[in-house]
Amino acid sequence: MIEYVKLGHSEQIYGKKNLLYGQMELLTIIKRYQEYKKLRKKELALKNQLRKKVNEMQQEMKSLDKLFPTVKHESYHTRTIKKTPKKRDELDLEIEEIRTKLKALQ
């Protein structure tokens, strides 16, 4: 059993407008997706090109490393600066002192 509903003129125009707006939005989405695919393909091509260039540079660096003699560097003056960190208890005491001073100021 099929039922038909009669639409008024204004309802028909409203429905057609909404349908056309929906079609327009779908077409713009498709257009943007195609542009995205094109840009993504270009990006991947550029990444591959960059990867090849980096690999070439690494090969050149390895060949240059083989050509140069190896040099040993010795450090004559090596000083180690050791700072003794304050103990946890000392820090807690200082924090408490600062808190008491703040309370006295209020």
C-alpha atoms as a PDB file:
ATOM      1  CA  MET A   1       0.000   0.000   0.000  1.00  0.00           C
ATOM      2  CA  ILE A   2       1.462   3.356  -1.030  1.00  0.00           C
ATOM      3  CA  GLU A   3       0.425   6.637   0.448  1.00  0.00           C
ATOM      4  CA  TYR A   4       0.983   9.982  -1.139  1.00  0.00           C
ATOM      5  CA  VAL A   5       1.241  13.266   0.663  1.00  0.00           C
ATOM      6  CA  LYS A   6       0.503  16.469  -1.137  1.00  0.00           C
ATOM      7  CA  LEU A   7       3.029  19.219  -0.544  1.00  0.00           C
ATOM      8  CA  GLY A   8       2.269  22.852  -0.874  1.00  0.00           C
ATOM      9  CA  HIS A   9       4.190  25.117  -3.256  1.00  0.00           C
ATOM     10  CA  SER A  10       6.349  26.627  -0.491  1.00  0.00           C
ATOM     11  CA  GLU A  11       7.155  23.166   0.889  1.00  0.00           C
ATOM     12  CA  GLN A  12       8.179  21.996  -2.586  1.00  0.00           C
ATOM     13  CA  ILE A  13      10.511  24.971  -3.031  1.00  0.00           C
ATOM     14  CA  TYR A  14      11.967  24.457   0.461  1.00  0.00           C
ATOM     15  CA  GLY A  15      12.605  20.762  -0.274  1.00  0.00           C
ATOM     16  CA  LYS A  16      14.177  21.489  -3.663  1.00  0.00           C
ATOM     17  CA  LYS A  17      16.441  24.154  -2.120  1.00  0.00           C
ATOM     18  CA  ASN A  18      17.606  21.780   0.583  1.00  0.00           C
ATOM     19  CA  LEU A  19      18.229  19.065  -1.991  1.00  0.00           C
ATOM     20  CA  LEU A  20      20.235  21.445  -4.181  1.00  0.00           C
ATOM     21  CA  TYR A  21      22.250  22.702  -1.186  1.00  0.00           C
ATOM     22  CA  GLY A  22      23.016  19.109  -0.230  1.00  0.00           C
ATOM     23  CA  GLN A  23      24.154  18.308  -3.780  1.00  0.00           C
ATOM     24  CA  MET A  24      26.290  21.440  -3.817  1.00  0.00           C
ATOM     25  CA  GLU A  25      27.946  20.477  -0.528  1.00  0.00           C
ATOM     26  CA  LEU A  26      28.622  16.949  -1.764  1.00  0.00           C
ATOM     27  CA  LEU A  27      30.232  18.298  -4.939  1.00  0.00           C
ATOM     28  CA  THR A  28      32.453  20.687  -2.956  1.00  0.00           C
ATOM     29  CA  ILE A  29      33.468  17.815  -0.668  1.00  0.00           C
ATOM     30  CA  ILE A  30      34.368  15.697  -3.699  1.00  0.00           C
ATOM     31  CA  LYS A  31      36.309  18.592  -5.186  1.00  0.00           C
ATOM     32  CA  ARG A  32      38.268  19.124  -1.957  1.00  0.00           C
ATOM     33  CA  TYR A  33      38.948  15.406  -1.617  1.00  0.00           C
ATOM     34  CA  GLN A  34      40.347  15.259  -5.144  1.00  0.00           C
ATOM     35  CA  GLU A  35      42.566  18.255  -4.366  1.00  0.00           C
ATOM     36  CA  TYR A  36      43.694  16.535  -1.160  1.00  0.00           C
ATOM     37  CA  LYS A  37      44.582  13.360  -3.074  1.00  0.00           C
ATOM     38  CA  LYS A  38      46.579  15.399  -5.587  1.00  0.00           C
ATOM     39  CA  LEU A  39      48.475  17.239  -2.835  1.00  0.00           C
ATOM     40  CA  ARG A  40      49.061  14.014  -0.917  1.00  0.00           C
ATOM     41  CA  LYS A  41      50.515  12.363  -4.014  1.00  0.00           C
ATOM     42  CA  LYS A  42      52.777  15.374  -4.528  1.00  0.00           C
ATOM     43  CA  GLU A  43      53.840  15.255  -0.871  1.00  0.00           C
ATOM     44  CA  LEU A  44      54.743  11.566  -1.103  1.00  0.00           C
ATOM     45  CA  ALA A  45      56.747  12.187  -4.271  1.00  0.00           C
ATOM     46  CA  LEU A  46      58.669  14.998  -2.555  1.00  0.00           C
ATOM     47  CA  LYS A  47      59.302  12.810   0.516  1.00  0.00           C
ATOM     48  CA  ASN A  48      60.672  10.035  -1.670  1.00  0.00           C
ATOM     49  CA  GLN A  49      62.873  12.521  -3.497  1.00  0.00           C
ATOM     50  CA  LEU A  50      64.157  13.875  -0.183  1.00  0.00           C
ATOM     51  CA  ARG A  51      64.804  10.351   1.088  1.00  0.00           C
ATOM     52  CA  LYS A  52      66.868   9.582  -2.009  1.00  0.00           C
ATOM     53  CA  LYS A  53      68.881  12.794  -1.600  1.00  0.00           C
ATOM     54  CA  VAL A  54      69.541  12.029   2.066  1.00  0.00           C
ATOM     55  CA  ASN A  55      70.699   8.516   1.199  1.00  0.00           C
ATOM     56  CA  GLU A  56      73.006   9.923  -1.480  1.00  0.00           C
ATOM     57  CA  MET A  57      74.445  12.399   1.020  1.00  0.00           C
ATOM     58  CA  GLN A  58      74.998   9.632   3.557  1.00  0.00           C
ATOM     59  CA  GLN A  59      76.867   7.581   0.959  1.00  0.00           C
ATOM     60  CA  GLU A  60      79.017  10.588   0.083  1.00  0.00           C
ATOM     61  CA  MET A  61      79.746  11.228   3.772  1.00  0.00           C
ATOM     62  CA  LYS A  62      80.792   7.607   4.244  1.00  0.00           C
ATOM     63  CA  SER A  63      83.123   7.785   1.260  1.00  0.00           C
ATOM     64  CA  LEU A  64      84.612  11.055   2.569  1.00  0.00           C
ATOM     65  CA  ASP A  65      85.113   9.504   6.010  1.00  0.00           C
ATOM     66  CA  LYS A  66      87.092   6.717   4.408  1.00  0.00           C
ATOM     67  CA  LEU A  67      89.337   9.223   2.595  1.00  0.00           C
ATOM     68  CA  PHE A  68      90.242  11.328   5.630  1.00  0.00           C
ATOM     69  CA  PRO A  69      92.738  10.060   8.190  1.00  0.00           C
ATOM     70  CA  THR A  70      91.544   9.362  11.685  1.00  0.00           C
ATOM     71  CA  VAL A  71      92.671  11.756  14.393  1.00  0.00           C
ATOM     72  CA  LYS A  72      92.615  11.128  18.106  1.00  0.00           C
ATOM     73  CA  HIS A  73      91.755  14.073  20.288  1.00  0.00           C
ATOM     74  CA  GLU A  74      93.046  14.174  23.804  1.00  0.00           C
ATOM     75  CA  SER A  75      91.713  16.596  26.307  1.00  0.00           C
ATOM     76  CA  TYR A  76      94.497  18.067  28.406  1.00  0.00           C
ATOM     77  CA  HIS A  77      92.426  19.824  31.015  1.00  0.00           C
ATOM     78  CA  THR A  78      89.495  17.886  32.192  1.00  0.00           C
ATOM     79  CA  ARG A  79      87.789  19.248  35.237  1.00  0.00           C
ATOM     80  CA  THR A  80      84.770  17.797  36.767  1.00  0.00           C
ATOM     81  CA  ILE A  81      82.586  20.086  38.751  1.00  0.00           C
ATOM     82  CA  LYS A  82      80.647  18.270  41.359  1.00  0.00           C
ATOM     83  CA  LYS A  83      77.940  20.030  43.225  1.00  0.00           C
ATOM     84  CA  THR A  84      76.583  18.418  46.279  1.00  0.00           C
ATOM     85  CA  PRO A  85      72.840  18.727  46.174  1.00  0.00           C
ATOM     86  CA  LYS A  86      71.145  19.797  49.332  1.00  0.00           C
ATOM     87  CA  LYS A  87      69.533  17.074  51.259  1.00  0.00           C
ATOM     88  CA  ARG A  88      65.801  16.711  51.225  1.00  0.00           C
ATOM     89  CA  ASP A  89      65.496  17.650  54.878  1.00  0.00           C
ATOM     90  CA  GLU A  90      67.423  20.886  54.409  1.00  0.00           C
ATOM     91  CA  LEU A  91      65.139  21.884  51.545  1.00  0.00           C
ATOM     92  CA  ASP A  92      62.061  21.125  53.604  1.00  0.00           C
ATOM     93  CA  LEU A  93      63.418  23.273  56.442  1.00  0.00           C
ATOM     94  CA  GLU A  94      64.038  26.187  54.092  1.00  0.00           C
ATOM     95  CA  ILE A  95      60.529  25.886  52.683  1.00  0.00           C
ATOM     96  CA  GLU A  96      59.075  25.948  56.189  1.00  0.00           C
ATOM     97  CA  GLU A  97      61.123  29.025  57.087  1.00  0.00           C
ATOM     98  CA  ILE A  98      59.851  30.845  54.018  1.00  0.00           C
ATOM     99  CA  ARG A  99      56.264  29.890  54.880  1.00  0.00           C
ATOM    100  CA  THR A 100      56.628  31.241  58.414  1.00  0.00           C
ATOM    101  CA  LYS A 101      58.066  34.503  57.076  1.00  0.00           C
ATOM    102  CA  LEU A 102      55.107  34.795  54.670  1.00  0.00           C
ATOM    103  CA  LYS A 103      52.645  34.231  57.501  1.00  0.00           C
ATOM    104  CA  ALA A 104      54.364  36.872  59.600  1.00  0.00           C
ATOM    105  CA  LEU A 105      54.016  39.388  56.775  1.00  0.00           C
ATOM    106  CA  GLN A 106      50.274  38.863  56.490  1.00  0.00           C
END
